[in-house]
Amino acid sequence: MLASDQVDELICLVAGMDRPQIVDHFTAYNASFPLDFSDEFLTTVSLEKLRHIFVALCLQQQRFPETLTACA
C-alpha cells in the first residue's frame, strides 16, 4: 500500500507530465491486468483525464511506478 506521502509525490509527479510522458508511462507500466487503451483514446481524451486514470491505476495497483523520478 502506498503511504500518504507517496500518494502526494505521485500526484505531484503526474501533474507535471505532458501527454507524451503520460502515454509512455501507460505503455511501460506493468499492471496485474492488461492496459488496452487505443491510440485514438490516448490522443483524444483530455490530458487531465489521462493523468487521473494513471494516478488511479497506480493507486489500484498499490505501487509507485518504477519509471518516475522525484518531484522537485
PDB file of N, CA and C in Angstrom:
ATOM      1  N   MET A   1       0.837  -1.183   0.000  1.00  0.00           N
ATOM      2  CA  MET A   1       0.000   0.000   0.000  1.00  0.00           C
ATOM      3  C   MET A   1       0.883   1.248   0.000  1.00  0.00           C
ATOM      4  N   LEU A   2       0.450   2.241  -0.725  1.00  0.00           N
ATOM      5  CA  LEU A   2       1.200   3.486  -0.776  1.00  0.00           C
ATOM      6  C   LEU A   2       0.916   4.325   0.464  1.00  0.00           C
ATOM      7  N   ALA A   3       1.966   4.879   1.042  1.00  0.00           N
ATOM      8  CA  ALA A   3       1.819   5.788   2.172  1.00  0.00           C
ATOM      9  C   ALA A   3       1.301   7.129   1.660  1.00  0.00           C
ATOM     10  N   SER A   4       0.733   7.924   2.559  1.00  0.00           N
ATOM     11  CA  SER A   4       0.154   9.205   2.144  1.00  0.00           C
ATOM     12  C   SER A   4       1.186  10.124   1.494  1.00  0.00           C
ATOM     13  N   ASP A   5       2.427  10.100   1.965  1.00  0.00           N
ATOM     14  CA  ASP A   5       3.453  10.932   1.335  1.00  0.00           C
ATOM     15  C   ASP A   5       3.788  10.435  -0.067  1.00  0.00           C
ATOM     16  N   GLN A   6       3.685   9.119  -0.294  1.00  0.00           N
ATOM     17  CA  GLN A   6       3.915   8.575  -1.631  1.00  0.00           C
ATOM     18  C   GLN A   6       2.787   8.987  -2.578  1.00  0.00           C
ATOM     19  N   VAL A   7       1.560   9.006  -2.072  1.00  0.00           N
ATOM     20  CA  VAL A   7       0.418   9.433  -2.888  1.00  0.00           C
ATOM     21  C   VAL A   7       0.599  10.903  -3.277  1.00  0.00           C
ATOM     22  N   ASP A   8       0.995  11.732  -2.329  1.00  0.00           N
ATOM     23  CA  ASP A   8       1.247  13.143  -2.626  1.00  0.00           C
ATOM     24  C   ASP A   8       2.332  13.291  -3.687  1.00  0.00           C
ATOM     25  N   GLU A   9       3.399  12.519  -3.550  1.00  0.00           N
ATOM     26  CA  GLU A   9       4.511  12.556  -4.514  1.00  0.00           C
ATOM     27  C   GLU A   9       4.035  12.114  -5.899  1.00  0.00           C
ATOM     28  N   LEU A  10       3.246  11.049  -5.943  1.00  0.00           N
ATOM     29  CA  LEU A  10       2.711  10.544  -7.205  1.00  0.00           C
ATOM     30  C   LEU A  10       1.876  11.613  -7.900  1.00  0.00           C
ATOM     31  N   ILE A  11       0.988  12.251  -7.165  1.00  0.00           N
ATOM     32  CA  ILE A  11       0.126  13.288  -7.738  1.00  0.00           C
ATOM     33  C   ILE A  11       0.961  14.454  -8.246  1.00  0.00           C
ATOM     34  N   CYS A  12       1.962  14.846  -7.500  1.00  0.00           N
ATOM     35  CA  CYS A  12       2.853  15.927  -7.911  1.00  0.00           C
ATOM     36  C   CYS A  12       3.567  15.581  -9.219  1.00  0.00           C
ATOM     37  N   LEU A  13       4.089  14.387  -9.302  1.00  0.00           N
ATOM     38  CA  LEU A  13       4.822  13.970 -10.497  1.00  0.00           C
ATOM     39  C   LEU A  13       3.914  13.880 -11.718  1.00  0.00           C
ATOM     40  N   VAL A  14       2.754  13.273 -11.548  1.00  0.00           N
ATOM     41  CA  VAL A  14       1.833  13.090 -12.671  1.00  0.00           C
ATOM     42  C   VAL A  14       1.291  14.439 -13.147  1.00  0.00           C
ATOM     43  N   ALA A  15       1.071  15.360 -12.230  1.00  0.00           N
ATOM     44  CA  ALA A  15       0.565  16.690 -12.600  1.00  0.00           C
ATOM     45  C   ALA A  15       1.532  17.430 -13.520  1.00  0.00           C
ATOM     46  N   GLY A  16       2.809  17.127 -13.432  1.00  0.00           N
ATOM     47  CA  GLY A  16       3.804  17.789 -14.264  1.00  0.00           C
ATOM     48  C   GLY A  16       4.068  17.114 -15.601  1.00  0.00           C
ATOM     49  N   MET A  17       3.378  16.034 -15.874  1.00  0.00           N
ATOM     50  CA  MET A  17       3.612  15.298 -17.121  1.00  0.00           C
ATOM     51  C   MET A  17       2.808  15.877 -18.278  1.00  0.00           C
ATOM     52  N   ASP A  18       3.418  15.839 -19.464  1.00  0.00           N
ATOM     53  CA  ASP A  18       2.682  16.186 -20.673  1.00  0.00           C
ATOM     54  C   ASP A  18       2.147  14.892 -21.302  1.00  0.00           C
ATOM     55  N   ARG A  19       1.404  15.013 -22.382  1.00  0.00           N
ATOM     56  CA  ARG A  19       0.766  13.839 -22.988  1.00  0.00           C
ATOM     57  C   ARG A  19       1.770  12.755 -23.388  1.00  0.00           C
ATOM     58  N   PRO A  20       2.862  13.080 -24.096  1.00  0.00           N
ATOM     59  CA  PRO A  20       3.808  12.017 -24.466  1.00  0.00           C
ATOM     60  C   PRO A  20       4.383  11.275 -23.252  1.00  0.00           C
ATOM     61  N   GLN A  21       4.646  12.003 -22.181  1.00  0.00           N
ATOM     62  CA  GLN A  21       5.169  11.353 -20.975  1.00  0.00           C
ATOM     63  C   GLN A  21       4.136  10.409 -20.368  1.00  0.00           C
ATOM     64  N   ILE A  22       2.904  10.856 -20.268  1.00  0.00           N
ATOM     65  CA  ILE A  22       1.843  10.010 -19.695  1.00  0.00           C
ATOM     66  C   ILE A  22       1.659   8.759 -20.545  1.00  0.00           C
ATOM     67  N   VAL A  23       1.612   8.920 -21.859  1.00  0.00           N
ATOM     68  CA  VAL A  23       1.434   7.765 -22.751  1.00  0.00           C
ATOM     69  C   VAL A  23       2.594   6.789 -22.580  1.00  0.00           C
ATOM     70  N   ASP A  24       3.816   7.295 -22.471  1.00  0.00           N
ATOM     71  CA  ASP A  24       4.973   6.428 -22.245  1.00  0.00           C
ATOM     72  C   ASP A  24       4.836   5.654 -20.938  1.00  0.00           C
ATOM     73  N   HIS A  25       4.363   6.314 -19.903  1.00  0.00           N
ATOM     74  CA  HIS A  25       4.195   5.640 -18.616  1.00  0.00           C
ATOM     75  C   HIS A  25       3.096   4.573 -18.675  1.00  0.00           C
ATOM     76  N   PHE A  26       2.013   4.859 -19.398  1.00  0.00           N
ATOM     77  CA  PHE A  26       0.980   3.834 -19.580  1.00  0.00           C
ATOM     78  C   PHE A  26       1.574   2.614 -20.289  1.00  0.00           C
ATOM     79  N   THR A  27       2.380   2.862 -21.293  1.00  0.00           N
ATOM     80  CA  THR A  27       2.978   1.777 -22.073  1.00  0.00           C
ATOM     81  C   THR A  27       3.948   0.949 -21.234  1.00  0.00           C
ATOM     82  N   ALA A  28       4.711   1.611 -20.373  1.00  0.00           N
ATOM     83  CA  ALA A  28       5.734   0.923 -19.590  1.00  0.00           C
ATOM     84  C   ALA A  28       5.212   0.310 -18.291  1.00  0.00           C
ATOM     85  N   TYR A  29       4.031   0.724 -17.835  1.00  0.00           N
ATOM     86  CA  TYR A  29       3.537   0.277 -16.528  1.00  0.00           C
ATOM     87  C   TYR A  29       3.194  -1.210 -16.559  1.00  0.00           C
ATOM     88  N   ASN A  30       3.714  -1.941 -15.613  1.00  0.00           N
ATOM     89  CA  ASN A  30       3.484  -3.388 -15.537  1.00  0.00           C
ATOM     90  C   ASN A  30       2.357  -3.667 -14.539  1.00  0.00           C
ATOM     91  N   ALA A  31       1.125  -3.575 -15.024  1.00  0.00           N
ATOM     92  CA  ALA A  31      -0.047  -3.792 -14.177  1.00  0.00           C
ATOM     93  C   ALA A  31      -0.375  -5.282 -14.097  1.00  0.00           C
ATOM     94  N   SER A  32      -1.189  -5.641 -13.132  1.00  0.00           N
ATOM     95  CA  SER A  32      -1.600  -7.034 -12.963  1.00  0.00           C
ATOM     96  C   SER A  32      -2.738  -7.414 -13.915  1.00  0.00           C
ATOM     97  N   PHE A  33      -3.134  -6.489 -14.756  1.00  0.00           N
ATOM     98  CA  PHE A  33      -4.172  -6.724 -15.766  1.00  0.00           C
ATOM     99  C   PHE A  33      -3.755  -5.960 -17.022  1.00  0.00           C
ATOM    100  N   PRO A  34      -4.264  -6.361 -18.182  1.00  0.00           N
ATOM    101  CA  PRO A  34      -3.846  -5.683 -19.418  1.00  0.00           C
ATOM    102  C   PRO A  34      -4.387  -4.257 -19.500  1.00  0.00           C
ATOM    103  N   LEU A  35      -3.555  -3.354 -19.953  1.00  0.00           N
ATOM    104  CA  LEU A  35      -3.969  -1.986 -20.238  1.00  0.00           C
ATOM    105  C   LEU A  35      -4.138  -1.887 -21.748  1.00  0.00           C
ATOM    106  N   ASP A  36      -5.364  -1.801 -22.181  1.00  0.00           N
ATOM    107  CA  ASP A  36      -5.622  -1.871 -23.621  1.00  0.00           C
ATOM    108  C   ASP A  36      -6.260  -0.590 -24.158  1.00  0.00           C
ATOM    109  N   PHE A  37      -5.644   0.537 -23.839  1.00  0.00           N
ATOM    110  CA  PHE A  37      -6.128   1.805 -24.352  1.00  0.00           C
ATOM    111  C   PHE A  37      -5.733   1.930 -25.823  1.00  0.00           C
ATOM    112  N   SER A  38      -6.668   2.364 -26.650  1.00  0.00           N
ATOM    113  CA  SER A  38      -6.364   2.542 -28.072  1.00  0.00           C
ATOM    114  C   SER A  38      -5.543   3.818 -28.261  1.00  0.00           C
ATOM    115  N   ASP A  39      -4.816   3.868 -29.364  1.00  0.00           N
ATOM    116  CA  ASP A  39      -4.055   5.074 -29.689  1.00  0.00           C
ATOM    117  C   ASP A  39      -4.997   6.267 -29.826  1.00  0.00           C
ATOM    118  N   GLU A  40      -6.169   6.030 -30.392  1.00  0.00           N
ATOM    119  CA  GLU A  40      -7.152   7.113 -30.545  1.00  0.00           C
ATOM    120  C   GLU A  40      -7.559   7.668 -29.184  1.00  0.00           C
ATOM    121  N   PHE A  41      -7.823   6.789 -28.231  1.00  0.00           N
ATOM    122  CA  PHE A  41      -8.196   7.226 -26.891  1.00  0.00           C
ATOM    123  C   PHE A  41      -7.075   8.052 -26.271  1.00  0.00           C
ATOM    124  N   LEU A  42      -5.857   7.549 -26.358  1.00  0.00           N
ATOM    125  CA  LEU A  42      -4.713   8.223 -25.743  1.00  0.00           C
ATOM    126  C   LEU A  42      -4.425   9.592 -26.363  1.00  0.00           C
ATOM    127  N   THR A  43      -4.820   9.788 -27.607  1.00  0.00           N
ATOM    128  CA  THR A  43      -4.564  11.076 -28.260  1.00  0.00           C
ATOM    129  C   THR A  43      -5.750  12.035 -28.187  1.00  0.00           C
ATOM    130  N   THR A  44      -6.948  11.534 -27.900  1.00  0.00           N
ATOM    131  CA  THR A  44      -8.118  12.414 -27.914  1.00  0.00           C
ATOM    132  C   THR A  44      -8.681  12.746 -26.535  1.00  0.00           C
ATOM    133  N   VAL A  45      -8.483  11.883 -25.566  1.00  0.00           N
ATOM    134  CA  VAL A  45      -9.002  12.181 -24.224  1.00  0.00           C
ATOM    135  C   VAL A  45      -8.194  13.331 -23.632  1.00  0.00           C
ATOM    136  N   SER A  46      -8.828  14.115 -22.780  1.00  0.00           N
ATOM    137  CA  SER A  46      -8.118  15.267 -22.204  1.00  0.00           C
ATOM    138  C   SER A  46      -6.915  14.802 -21.381  1.00  0.00           C
ATOM    139  N   LEU A  47      -5.910  15.656 -21.338  1.00  0.00           N
ATOM    140  CA  LEU A  47      -4.698  15.354 -20.575  1.00  0.00           C
ATOM    141  C   LEU A  47      -5.041  15.179 -19.101  1.00  0.00           C
ATOM    142  N   GLU A  48      -5.958  15.983 -18.596  1.00  0.00           N
ATOM    143  CA  GLU A  48      -6.352  15.877 -17.191  1.00  0.00           C
ATOM    144  C   GLU A  48      -6.959  14.501 -16.889  1.00  0.00           C
ATOM    145  N   LYS A  49      -7.762  13.976 -17.805  1.00  0.00           N
ATOM    146  CA  LYS A  49      -8.342  12.638 -17.611  1.00  0.00           C
ATOM    147  C   LYS A  49      -7.273  11.560 -17.663  1.00  0.00           C
ATOM    148  N   LEU A  50      -6.317  11.698 -18.573  1.00  0.00           N
ATOM    149  CA  LEU A  50      -5.220  10.730 -18.632  1.00  0.00           C
ATOM    150  C   LEU A  50      -4.441  10.714 -17.329  1.00  0.00           C
ATOM    151  N   ARG A  51      -4.168  11.889 -16.800  1.00  0.00           N
ATOM    152  CA  ARG A  51      -3.464  11.970 -15.519  1.00  0.00           C
ATOM    153  C   ARG A  51      -4.265  11.295 -14.412  1.00  0.00           C
ATOM    154  N   HIS A  52      -5.556  11.575 -14.383  1.00  0.00           N
ATOM    155  CA  HIS A  52      -6.432  10.987 -13.366  1.00  0.00           C
ATOM    156  C   HIS A  52      -6.429   9.456 -13.472  1.00  0.00           C
ATOM    157  N   ILE A  53      -6.543   8.940 -14.687  1.00  0.00           N
ATOM    158  CA  ILE A  53      -6.558   7.484 -14.894  1.00  0.00           C
ATOM    159  C   ILE A  53      -5.232   6.872 -14.462  1.00  0.00           C
ATOM    160  N   PHE A  54      -4.123   7.544 -14.756  1.00  0.00           N
ATOM    161  CA  PHE A  54      -2.818   6.984 -14.374  1.00  0.00           C
ATOM    162  C   PHE A  54      -2.652   6.952 -12.856  1.00  0.00           C
ATOM    163  N   VAL A  55      -3.051   8.013 -12.188  1.00  0.00           N
ATOM    164  CA  VAL A  55      -2.979   8.014 -10.717  1.00  0.00           C
ATOM    165  C   VAL A  55      -3.871   6.906 -10.166  1.00  0.00           C
ATOM    166  N   ALA A  56      -5.079   6.767 -10.705  1.00  0.00           N
ATOM    167  CA  ALA A  56      -5.990   5.711 -10.243  1.00  0.00           C
ATOM    168  C   ALA A  56      -5.392   4.328 -10.467  1.00  0.00           C
ATOM    169  N   LEU A  57      -4.728   4.129 -11.596  1.00  0.00           N
ATOM    170  CA  LEU A  57      -4.064   2.862 -11.882  1.00  0.00           C
ATOM    171  C   LEU A  57      -3.004   2.558 -10.827  1.00  0.00           C
ATOM    172  N   CYS A  58      -2.182   3.532 -10.531  1.00  0.00           N
ATOM    173  CA  CYS A  58      -1.120   3.341  -9.530  1.00  0.00           C
ATOM    174  C   CYS A  58      -1.712   3.043  -8.161  1.00  0.00           C
ATOM    175  N   LEU A  59      -2.767   3.746  -7.798  1.00  0.00           N
ATOM    176  CA  LEU A  59      -3.413   3.504  -6.504  1.00  0.00           C
ATOM    177  C   LEU A  59      -4.046   2.117  -6.457  1.00  0.00           C
ATOM    178  N   GLN A  60      -4.685   1.707  -7.549  1.00  0.00           N
ATOM    179  CA  GLN A  60      -5.315   0.384  -7.585  1.00  0.00           C
ATOM    180  C   GLN A  60      -4.262  -0.705  -7.480  1.00  0.00           C
ATOM    181  N   GLN A  61      -3.128  -0.505  -8.119  1.00  0.00           N
ATOM    182  CA  GLN A  61      -2.053  -1.497  -8.100  1.00  0.00           C
ATOM    183  C   GLN A  61      -1.245  -1.443  -6.805  1.00  0.00           C
ATOM    184  N   GLN A  62      -1.460  -0.395  -6.022  1.00  0.00           N
ATOM    185  CA  GLN A  62      -0.796  -0.226  -4.727  1.00  0.00           C
ATOM    186  C   GLN A  62       0.721  -0.168  -4.849  1.00  0.00           C
ATOM    187  N   ARG A  63       1.189   0.470  -5.920  1.00  0.00           N
ATOM    188  CA  ARG A  63       2.630   0.633  -6.046  1.00  0.00           C
ATOM    189  C   ARG A  63       2.974   1.842  -6.892  1.00  0.00           C
ATOM    190  N   PHE A  64       4.092   2.427  -6.538  1.00  0.00           N
ATOM    191  CA  PHE A  64       4.631   3.593  -7.216  1.00  0.00           C
ATOM    192  C   PHE A  64       5.336   3.116  -8.483  1.00  0.00           C
ATOM    193  N   PRO A  65       5.107   3.742  -9.624  1.00  0.00           N
ATOM    194  CA  PRO A  65       5.779   3.311 -10.851  1.00  0.00           C
ATOM    195  C   PRO A  65       7.294   3.450 -10.738  1.00  0.00           C
ATOM    196  N   GLU A  66       8.009   2.460 -11.210  1.00  0.00           N
ATOM    197  CA  GLU A  66       9.467   2.468 -11.149  1.00  0.00           C
ATOM    198  C   GLU A  66      10.053   3.560 -12.044  1.00  0.00           C
ATOM    199  N   THR A  67       9.314   3.971 -13.055  1.00  0.00           N
ATOM    200  CA  THR A  67       9.851   4.884 -14.056  1.00  0.00           C
ATOM    201  C   THR A  67       9.744   6.354 -13.676  1.00  0.00           C
ATOM    202  N   LEU A  68       9.159   6.674 -12.516  1.00  0.00           N
ATOM    203  CA  LEU A  68       9.015   8.081 -12.116  1.00  0.00           C
ATOM    204  C   LEU A  68      10.201   8.509 -11.273  1.00  0.00           C
ATOM    205  N   THR A  69      10.597   9.772 -11.434  1.00  0.00           N
ATOM    206  CA  THR A  69      11.667  10.335 -10.628  1.00  0.00           C
ATOM    207  C   THR A  69      11.073  11.332  -9.634  1.00  0.00           C
ATOM    208  N   ALA A  70      11.845  11.701  -8.656  1.00  0.00           N
ATOM    209  CA  ALA A  70      11.357  12.525  -7.554  1.00  0.00           C
ATOM    210  C   ALA A  70      10.843  13.881  -8.014  1.00  0.00           C
ATOM    211  N   CYS A  71       9.844  14.355  -7.310  1.00  0.00           N
ATOM    212  CA  CYS A  71       9.228  15.660  -7.555  1.00  0.00           C
ATOM    213  C   CYS A  71      10.109  16.746  -6.931  1.00  0.00           C
ATOM    214  N   ALA A  72      10.271  17.835  -7.651  1.00  0.00           N
ATOM    215  CA  ALA A  72      11.125  18.921  -7.139  1.00  0.00           C
ATOM    216  C   ALA A  72      10.464  19.702  -6.027  1.00  0.00           C
TER     217      ALA A  72
END
